[in-house]
């Protein structure tokens, strides 16, 4: 095993050893290739033909849906230990992606070719459970996003968004602009600025220039 494979083995063990059995881990090392994508880069783009799925080792990825009029809205985030269940479905069915994945913080991942991941569904119980669990979790997140759009007022959506960002980044202080938040929530910067001030006055957040500290989590 060369140095690159040893490094990959260590990263994979650190993140997935409690999920996958050793034989599957061995196959992942042989079949997959390691790649890094810097913050702001694309993991998936709308219309892309997908031949691999990622096992995320580090970093955060924002999954975005684009409307017909070009407007975009954030659906959920992927983080360390996740895969993109949407990519898996598209790979298996040879369909183009209808979502975009933008890297929020520098990402490291192992990319697995579709012919192997399909084979592993019947070969490895842990892989089958991992994929099913990924679908289940993403479905819950999608329903949660729909509920937010349908039933929540914008200030509730904003606090929920900030809460989720904190939980994923594991840092109560977020470095983010009002325009970035507005883009993610598909609204205007003026609206976000007004609502952030409201949440600040209610002591639910502490907001300064391009920094937000969440004081009260959305439940």
Protein backbone atom coordinates (compact mmCIF):
# COMPACT_ATOMS: atom_id res chain seq x y z
CA UNK A 1 0.00 0.00 0.00
CA UNK A 2 1.52 3.34 -1.09
CA UNK A 3 1.53 6.57 0.93
CA UNK A 4 -1.57 7.92 -0.80
CA UNK A 5 -3.53 4.75 -0.03
CA UNK A 6 -2.34 4.83 3.59
CA UNK A 7 -3.50 8.43 3.99
CA UNK A 8 -6.84 7.59 2.38
CA UNK A 9 -7.22 4.55 4.64
CA UNK A 10 -6.62 6.68 7.72
CA UNK A 11 -9.15 9.32 6.65
CA UNK A 12 -11.72 6.68 5.75
CA UNK A 13 -11.21 4.78 9.03
CA UNK A 14 -11.57 7.98 11.01
CA UNK A 15 -14.91 8.80 9.42
CA UNK A 16 -16.59 5.54 8.38
CA UNK A 17 -15.03 2.64 10.35
CA UNK A 18 -18.08 2.39 12.62
CA UNK A 19 -20.41 2.25 9.62
CA UNK A 20 -18.72 -0.09 7.11
CA UNK A 21 -17.15 -3.52 7.56
CA UNK A 22 -13.47 -4.01 6.74
CA UNK A 23 -14.04 -5.80 3.42
CA UNK A 24 -16.16 -2.94 2.16
CA UNK A 25 -13.58 -0.43 3.36
CA UNK A 26 -10.94 -2.34 1.39
CA UNK A 27 -13.06 -2.17 -1.76
CA UNK A 28 -13.69 1.54 -1.29
CA UNK A 29 -9.94 2.16 -1.11
CA UNK A 30 -9.37 0.20 -4.33
CA UNK A 31 -12.30 1.59 -6.31
CA UNK A 32 -12.49 5.18 -5.11
CA UNK A 33 -10.37 8.23 -5.80
CA UNK A 34 -9.63 11.00 -3.32
CA UNK A 35 -10.27 14.63 -4.23
CA UNK A 36 -10.39 18.05 -2.60
CA UNK A 37 -12.68 20.91 -3.58
CA UNK A 38 -12.09 24.39 -2.23
CA UNK A 39 -14.76 26.60 -0.68
CA UNK A 40 -16.96 28.07 -3.41
CA UNK A 41 -16.36 25.17 -5.80
CA UNK A 42 -19.00 22.86 -7.23
CA UNK A 43 -19.56 19.32 -6.05
CA UNK A 44 -22.57 18.84 -8.32
CA UNK A 45 -24.07 21.13 -10.94
CA UNK A 46 -27.54 21.19 -12.46
CA UNK A 47 -27.55 19.22 -15.70
CA UNK A 48 -24.36 17.30 -14.87
CA UNK A 49 -24.09 13.65 -15.82
CA UNK A 50 -23.11 11.80 -12.67
CA UNK A 51 -20.84 8.77 -12.73
CA UNK A 52 -19.60 8.87 -9.11
CA UNK A 53 -20.95 9.60 -5.64
CA UNK A 54 -18.94 11.20 -2.84
CA UNK A 55 -18.24 9.97 0.66
CA UNK A 56 -17.52 13.23 2.44
CA UNK A 57 -14.49 13.13 4.74
CA UNK A 58 -14.38 16.78 5.68
CA UNK A 59 -16.14 20.06 4.86
CA UNK A 60 -19.69 21.25 4.27
CA UNK A 61 -21.69 21.24 1.03
CA UNK A 62 -24.83 23.27 0.37
CA UNK A 63 -27.49 21.57 -1.80
CA UNK A 64 -29.48 24.03 -3.91
CA UNK A 65 -32.61 23.75 -6.05
CA UNK A 66 -33.11 26.22 -8.90
CA UNK A 67 -36.57 27.33 -10.02
CA UNK A 68 -37.55 27.75 -13.66
CA UNK A 69 -37.20 31.54 -13.33
CA UNK A 70 -33.58 31.12 -12.21
CA UNK A 71 -34.14 31.77 -8.50
CA UNK A 72 -32.37 29.40 -6.13
CA UNK A 73 -33.14 28.11 -2.65
CA UNK A 74 -31.06 26.02 -0.24
CA UNK A 75 -32.63 22.66 0.64
CA UNK A 76 -30.10 21.16 3.04
CA UNK A 77 -26.42 20.72 3.87
CA UNK A 78 -24.07 17.74 3.60
CA UNK A 79 -21.24 17.29 6.07
CA UNK A 80 -18.55 14.87 7.20
CA UNK A 81 -19.84 11.28 7.15
CA UNK A 82 -22.57 12.05 4.57
CA UNK A 83 -23.07 11.11 0.97
CA UNK A 84 -25.31 12.73 -1.62
CA UNK A 85 -28.31 10.42 -1.92
CA UNK A 86 -29.53 12.45 -4.89
CA UNK A 87 -26.30 11.68 -6.75
CA UNK A 88 -26.75 8.00 -6.02
CA UNK A 89 -30.23 7.92 -7.55
CA UNK A 90 -29.10 9.85 -10.60
CA UNK A 91 -26.08 7.59 -11.10
CA UNK A 92 -28.13 4.40 -10.93
CA UNK A 93 -30.79 5.74 -13.32
CA UNK A 94 -28.28 7.50 -15.62
CA UNK A 95 -30.07 10.82 -15.17
CA UNK A 96 -28.69 14.34 -15.04
CA UNK A 97 -28.62 16.22 -11.76
CA UNK A 98 -31.53 18.54 -10.94
CA UNK A 99 -29.68 19.99 -7.94
CA UNK A 100 -26.51 21.99 -7.38
CA UNK A 101 -24.00 21.29 -4.63
CA UNK A 102 -21.77 24.23 -3.62
CA UNK A 103 -18.84 23.65 -1.25
CA UNK A 104 -19.20 25.93 1.79
CA UNK A 105 -15.97 24.96 3.57
CA UNK A 106 -13.02 23.17 1.95
CA UNK A 107 -14.14 19.63 1.22
CA UNK A 108 -12.36 16.29 1.06
CA UNK A 109 -14.14 13.24 -0.31
CA UNK A 110 -13.70 9.79 -1.79
CA UNK A 111 -15.54 9.50 -5.09
CA UNK A 112 -16.97 6.06 -5.92
CA UNK A 113 -17.86 4.87 -9.45
CA UNK A 114 -21.48 3.89 -9.98
CA UNK A 115 -20.80 0.33 -11.16
CA UNK A 116 -19.32 -0.50 -7.74
CA UNK A 117 -21.92 1.23 -5.60
CA UNK A 118 -24.72 -0.63 -7.34
CA UNK A 119 -22.96 -3.96 -6.84
CA UNK A 120 -22.35 -3.26 -3.13
CA UNK A 121 -26.07 -2.89 -2.45
CA UNK A 122 -26.52 -6.66 -2.64
CA UNK A 123 -23.03 -7.54 -1.41
CA UNK A 124 -22.75 -5.51 1.80
CA UNK A 125 -25.46 -5.04 4.41
CA UNK A 126 -23.73 -2.00 5.90
CA UNK A 127 -23.67 -0.26 2.50
CA UNK A 128 -27.35 -1.00 1.92
CA UNK A 129 -28.26 0.42 5.34
CA UNK A 130 -26.05 3.47 4.76
CA UNK A 131 -27.77 4.33 1.47
CA UNK A 132 -31.27 3.72 2.88
CA UNK A 133 -30.49 5.83 5.96
CA UNK A 134 -29.12 8.59 3.73
CA UNK A 135 -32.32 8.62 1.67
CA UNK A 136 -34.45 8.62 4.81
CA UNK A 137 -32.56 11.49 6.42
CA UNK A 138 -32.58 13.61 3.25
CA UNK A 139 -36.31 12.96 2.78
CA UNK A 140 -36.97 14.26 6.29
CA UNK A 141 -34.86 17.34 5.51
CA UNK A 142 -36.75 17.92 2.25
CA UNK A 143 -40.11 17.69 4.04
CA UNK A 144 -38.76 20.05 6.69
CA UNK A 145 -37.76 22.51 3.96
CA UNK A 146 -41.22 22.32 2.38
CA UNK A 147 -42.87 22.86 5.78
CA UNK A 148 -40.68 25.91 6.29
CA UNK A 149 -41.70 27.42 2.97
CA UNK A 150 -45.37 26.60 3.46
CA UNK A 151 -45.99 27.30 7.13
CA UNK A 152 -43.20 29.40 8.67
CA UNK A 153 -42.91 33.15 8.69
CA UNK A 154 -39.65 34.51 7.32
CA UNK A 155 -38.16 35.37 10.72
CA UNK A 156 -38.77 31.76 11.83
CA UNK A 157 -37.15 30.43 8.66
CA UNK A 158 -34.21 32.74 9.25
CA UNK A 159 -33.64 31.60 12.83
CA UNK A 160 -34.02 27.96 11.78
CA UNK A 161 -31.50 28.50 8.98
CA UNK A 162 -29.00 30.08 11.39
CA UNK A 163 -29.56 27.27 13.91
CA UNK A 164 -28.86 24.63 11.26
CA UNK A 165 -25.71 26.46 10.14
CA UNK A 166 -24.43 26.53 13.72
CA UNK A 167 -25.13 22.84 14.27
CA UNK A 168 -23.35 21.86 11.07
CA UNK A 169 -20.34 24.14 11.51
CA UNK A 170 -20.18 23.42 15.27
CA UNK A 171 -19.48 27.08 15.86
CA UNK A 172 -22.03 29.43 17.45
CA UNK A 173 -20.50 32.39 15.61
CA UNK A 174 -21.19 32.49 11.90
CA UNK A 175 -19.14 34.55 9.44
CA UNK A 176 -21.71 35.31 6.79
CA UNK A 177 -23.06 38.35 4.95
CA UNK A 178 -26.66 39.47 4.81
CA UNK A 179 -26.60 38.96 1.03
CA UNK A 180 -25.42 35.35 1.38
CA UNK A 181 -28.29 34.62 3.75
CA UNK A 182 -30.74 36.34 1.42
CA UNK A 183 -29.51 34.21 -1.50
CA UNK A 184 -29.91 30.99 0.48
CA UNK A 185 -33.43 31.87 1.63
CA UNK A 186 -34.49 33.32 -1.74
CA UNK A 187 -35.37 36.75 -0.43
CA UNK A 188 -33.87 40.24 -0.46
CA UNK A 189 -30.93 41.57 1.55
CA UNK A 190 -33.13 44.38 2.89
CA UNK A 191 -35.58 41.85 4.35
CA UNK A 192 -32.77 39.83 5.95
CA UNK A 193 -31.17 42.95 7.45
CA UNK A 194 -34.49 43.99 8.99
CA UNK A 195 -35.18 40.51 10.40
CA UNK A 196 -31.67 40.12 11.78
CA UNK A 197 -32.14 43.39 13.65
CA UNK A 198 -35.44 42.08 14.99
CA UNK A 199 -33.83 38.84 16.19
CA UNK A 200 -30.95 40.86 17.67
CA UNK A 201 -33.38 43.10 19.59
CA UNK A 202 -35.18 39.98 20.87
CA UNK A 203 -31.81 38.61 22.15
CA UNK A 204 -32.10 35.52 19.95
CA UNK A 205 -28.91 36.43 18.08
CA UNK A 206 -26.05 38.89 18.46
CA UNK A 207 -25.35 40.47 15.10
CA UNK A 208 -22.35 42.56 14.03
CA UNK A 209 -20.89 43.28 10.61
CA UNK A 210 -20.69 39.95 8.71
CA UNK A 211 -20.80 38.00 11.99
CA UNK A 212 -23.78 36.45 13.76
CA UNK A 213 -23.76 34.65 17.09
CA UNK A 214 -26.84 32.49 17.72
CA UNK A 215 -28.04 32.86 21.31
CA UNK A 216 -31.34 30.98 21.08
CA UNK A 217 -31.74 27.92 18.86
CA UNK A 218 -34.87 27.34 16.82
CA UNK A 219 -36.72 24.24 18.04
